[in-house]
Amino acid sequence: DELAPDSLQVFSKILRQGRASLIVIRVFVASPDGGRYERAVTVVQQHADDGRSVRTDVFGDDQWADALAKFDERA
């Protein structure tokens, strides 16, 4: 990608309970102008009996409490 040619995604936390998973992804980006940025997103997924993801919600790094509540609700 020309806007962010150097990026790295790190899965820093993975929780699984019942039919739910919660994954914290830290994204590190180096822009062409030399700027460096970091952001975290939390993904909460609901899984079917066969393990397929049937619903995914993405939360910003300032929405941890909301993500955790959604994870508990889906577990």
N, C-alpha and C. Protein backbone atom coordinates (compact mmCIF):
# COMPACT_ATOMS: atom_id res chain seq x y z
N ASP A 1 0.84 -1.17 0.00
CA ASP A 1 0.00 0.00 0.00
C ASP A 1 0.88 1.23 0.00
N GLU A 2 0.61 2.18 -0.89
CA GLU A 2 1.44 3.38 -1.00
C GLU A 2 1.31 4.31 0.20
N LEU A 3 0.16 4.35 0.86
CA LEU A 3 -0.02 5.24 2.00
C LEU A 3 0.67 4.72 3.26
N ALA A 4 0.77 3.44 3.40
CA ALA A 4 1.41 2.83 4.58
C ALA A 4 2.16 1.58 4.14
N PRO A 5 3.32 1.79 3.50
CA PRO A 5 4.02 0.64 2.95
C PRO A 5 4.59 -0.31 4.01
N ASP A 6 4.89 0.21 5.18
CA ASP A 6 5.45 -0.63 6.23
C ASP A 6 4.48 -0.72 7.39
N SER A 7 3.86 -1.87 7.54
CA SER A 7 2.94 -2.06 8.65
C SER A 7 3.10 -3.47 9.21
N LEU A 8 2.76 -3.59 10.47
CA LEU A 8 2.87 -4.86 11.17
C LEU A 8 1.66 -5.01 12.07
N GLN A 9 1.05 -6.18 12.05
CA GLN A 9 -0.06 -6.47 12.94
C GLN A 9 0.39 -7.55 13.92
N VAL A 10 0.17 -7.28 15.21
CA VAL A 10 0.56 -8.22 16.25
C VAL A 10 -0.69 -8.60 17.03
N PHE A 11 -0.97 -9.89 17.13
CA PHE A 11 -2.08 -10.37 17.93
C PHE A 11 -1.59 -10.44 19.37
N SER A 12 -1.97 -9.44 20.18
CA SER A 12 -1.40 -9.35 21.52
C SER A 12 -2.23 -10.06 22.59
N LYS A 13 -3.48 -10.37 22.28
CA LYS A 13 -4.31 -11.08 23.25
C LYS A 13 -5.37 -11.87 22.49
N ILE A 14 -5.54 -13.13 22.85
CA ILE A 14 -6.57 -13.96 22.25
C ILE A 14 -7.27 -14.72 23.37
N LEU A 15 -8.57 -14.51 23.48
CA LEU A 15 -9.38 -15.21 24.47
C LEU A 15 -10.45 -16.00 23.73
N ARG A 16 -10.75 -17.17 24.23
CA ARG A 16 -11.81 -17.99 23.63
C ARG A 16 -12.64 -18.58 24.76
N GLN A 17 -13.94 -18.41 24.67
CA GLN A 17 -14.84 -18.98 25.67
C GLN A 17 -16.16 -19.30 24.99
N GLY A 18 -16.60 -20.54 25.14
CA GLY A 18 -17.85 -20.95 24.50
C GLY A 18 -17.79 -20.73 23.00
N ARG A 19 -18.74 -19.97 22.49
CA ARG A 19 -18.80 -19.67 21.05
C ARG A 19 -18.21 -18.31 20.71
N ALA A 20 -17.46 -17.73 21.62
CA ALA A 20 -16.94 -16.39 21.39
C ALA A 20 -15.42 -16.36 21.45
N SER A 21 -14.85 -15.43 20.68
CA SER A 21 -13.43 -15.15 20.79
C SER A 21 -13.23 -13.64 20.81
N LEU A 22 -12.19 -13.23 21.50
CA LEU A 22 -11.82 -11.82 21.59
C LEU A 22 -10.34 -11.75 21.22
N ILE A 23 -10.03 -10.89 20.27
CA ILE A 23 -8.66 -10.78 19.77
C ILE A 23 -8.26 -9.31 19.79
N VAL A 24 -7.16 -9.00 20.46
CA VAL A 24 -6.62 -7.64 20.45
C VAL A 24 -5.48 -7.62 19.44
N ILE A 25 -5.61 -6.72 18.47
CA ILE A 25 -4.63 -6.59 17.41
C ILE A 25 -3.97 -5.23 17.52
N ARG A 26 -2.67 -5.21 17.67
CA ARG A 26 -1.90 -3.96 17.69
C ARG A 26 -1.35 -3.77 16.28
N VAL A 27 -1.59 -2.60 15.73
CA VAL A 27 -1.16 -2.28 14.37
C VAL A 27 -0.09 -1.19 14.46
N PHE A 28 1.07 -1.47 13.88
CA PHE A 28 2.17 -0.52 13.84
C PHE A 28 2.39 -0.14 12.38
N VAL A 29 2.44 1.18 12.11
CA VAL A 29 2.57 1.66 10.74
C VAL A 29 3.69 2.70 10.67
N ALA A 30 4.50 2.59 9.63
CA ALA A 30 5.49 3.61 9.31
C ALA A 30 5.06 4.24 7.98
N SER A 31 4.82 5.53 7.99
CA SER A 31 4.35 6.21 6.78
C SER A 31 5.54 6.63 5.92
N PRO A 32 5.30 6.94 4.65
CA PRO A 32 6.39 7.34 3.75
C PRO A 32 7.13 8.59 4.22
N ASP A 33 6.43 9.46 4.97
CA ASP A 33 7.08 10.69 5.44
C ASP A 33 7.88 10.49 6.73
N GLY A 34 7.99 9.24 7.19
CA GLY A 34 8.79 8.94 8.37
C GLY A 34 8.01 8.87 9.66
N GLY A 35 6.73 9.16 9.62
CA GLY A 35 5.91 9.09 10.83
C GLY A 35 5.66 7.65 11.24
N ARG A 36 5.54 7.45 12.52
CA ARG A 36 5.25 6.11 13.04
C ARG A 36 3.99 6.19 13.89
N TYR A 37 3.10 5.24 13.69
CA TYR A 37 1.81 5.24 14.35
C TYR A 37 1.53 3.87 14.93
N GLU A 38 0.78 3.87 16.01
CA GLU A 38 0.36 2.61 16.63
C GLU A 38 -1.11 2.73 17.00
N ARG A 39 -1.83 1.66 16.78
CA ARG A 39 -3.25 1.63 17.11
C ARG A 39 -3.62 0.21 17.52
N ALA A 40 -4.58 0.11 18.40
CA ALA A 40 -5.08 -1.20 18.78
C ALA A 40 -6.55 -1.30 18.41
N VAL A 41 -6.95 -2.46 17.93
CA VAL A 41 -8.35 -2.75 17.71
C VAL A 41 -8.65 -4.07 18.40
N THR A 42 -9.88 -4.19 18.85
CA THR A 42 -10.32 -5.44 19.48
C THR A 42 -11.43 -6.02 18.64
N VAL A 43 -11.29 -7.27 18.28
CA VAL A 43 -12.27 -7.97 17.45
C VAL A 43 -12.96 -9.01 18.32
N VAL A 44 -14.29 -8.99 18.31
CA VAL A 44 -15.07 -9.99 19.02
C VAL A 44 -15.84 -10.78 17.97
N GLN A 45 -15.67 -12.09 18.00
CA GLN A 45 -16.34 -12.94 17.03
C GLN A 45 -17.25 -13.94 17.73
N GLN A 46 -18.34 -14.25 17.05
CA GLN A 46 -19.24 -15.31 17.50
C GLN A 46 -19.09 -16.44 16.50
N HIS A 47 -19.00 -17.67 17.00
CA HIS A 47 -18.74 -18.83 16.15
C HIS A 47 -19.93 -19.78 16.15
N ALA A 48 -20.14 -20.43 15.00
CA ALA A 48 -21.16 -21.48 14.89
C ALA A 48 -20.60 -22.75 15.51
N ASP A 49 -21.43 -23.77 15.61
CA ASP A 49 -21.01 -25.06 16.18
C ASP A 49 -19.81 -25.65 15.45
N ASP A 50 -19.70 -25.40 14.15
CA ASP A 50 -18.59 -25.97 13.37
C ASP A 50 -17.34 -25.09 13.41
N GLY A 51 -17.38 -23.99 14.18
CA GLY A 51 -16.20 -23.14 14.34
C GLY A 51 -16.13 -21.95 13.40
N ARG A 52 -17.02 -21.91 12.40
CA ARG A 52 -17.01 -20.76 11.48
C ARG A 52 -17.43 -19.50 12.22
N SER A 53 -16.82 -18.39 11.84
CA SER A 53 -17.22 -17.10 12.40
C SER A 53 -18.52 -16.66 11.74
N VAL A 54 -19.53 -16.36 12.55
CA VAL A 54 -20.83 -15.96 12.00
C VAL A 54 -21.14 -14.49 12.28
N ARG A 55 -20.38 -13.88 13.16
CA ARG A 55 -20.58 -12.46 13.45
C ARG A 55 -19.28 -11.89 13.99
N THR A 56 -18.93 -10.70 13.51
CA THR A 56 -17.70 -10.04 13.93
C THR A 56 -18.00 -8.58 14.24
N ASP A 57 -17.52 -8.12 15.39
CA ASP A 57 -17.61 -6.72 15.76
C ASP A 57 -16.20 -6.21 16.03
N VAL A 58 -15.91 -4.99 15.59
CA VAL A 58 -14.59 -4.39 15.77
C VAL A 58 -14.74 -3.16 16.66
N PHE A 59 -13.87 -3.08 17.66
CA PHE A 59 -13.91 -1.98 18.63
C PHE A 59 -12.58 -1.23 18.60
N GLY A 60 -12.64 0.08 18.75
CA GLY A 60 -11.44 0.90 18.81
C GLY A 60 -10.69 0.70 20.11
N ASP A 61 -9.48 1.24 20.16
CA ASP A 61 -8.64 1.03 21.33
C ASP A 61 -9.20 1.68 22.59
N ASP A 62 -10.15 2.58 22.44
CA ASP A 62 -10.77 3.23 23.60
C ASP A 62 -12.10 2.58 24.00
N GLN A 63 -12.42 1.42 23.43
CA GLN A 63 -13.69 0.75 23.67
C GLN A 63 -13.52 -0.63 24.31
N TRP A 64 -12.49 -0.79 25.14
CA TRP A 64 -12.19 -2.08 25.75
C TRP A 64 -13.38 -2.62 26.55
N ALA A 65 -14.00 -1.78 27.36
CA ALA A 65 -15.12 -2.22 28.20
C ALA A 65 -16.28 -2.73 27.34
N ASP A 66 -16.56 -2.03 26.25
CA ASP A 66 -17.63 -2.46 25.34
C ASP A 66 -17.29 -3.80 24.69
N ALA A 67 -16.04 -3.96 24.28
CA ALA A 67 -15.61 -5.22 23.64
C ALA A 67 -15.72 -6.38 24.64
N LEU A 68 -15.29 -6.15 25.85
CA LEU A 68 -15.34 -7.21 26.86
C LEU A 68 -16.78 -7.58 27.19
N ALA A 69 -17.65 -6.58 27.25
CA ALA A 69 -19.08 -6.86 27.51
C ALA A 69 -19.68 -7.69 26.38
N LYS A 70 -19.33 -7.35 25.13
CA LYS A 70 -19.83 -8.10 23.98
C LYS A 70 -19.30 -9.54 24.00
N PHE A 71 -18.04 -9.70 24.36
CA PHE A 71 -17.45 -11.04 24.48
C PHE A 71 -18.20 -11.87 25.53
N ASP A 72 -18.44 -11.28 26.70
CA ASP A 72 -19.18 -11.99 27.76
C ASP A 72 -20.58 -12.34 27.31
N GLU A 73 -21.23 -11.44 26.58
CA GLU A 73 -22.58 -11.68 26.08
C GLU A 73 -22.62 -12.85 25.09
N ARG A 74 -21.60 -12.96 24.26
CA ARG A 74 -21.57 -14.00 23.23
C ARG A 74 -21.05 -15.33 23.72
N ALA A 75 -20.30 -15.33 24.83
CA ALA A 75 -19.72 -16.57 25.34
C ALA A 75 -20.84 -17.44 25.84
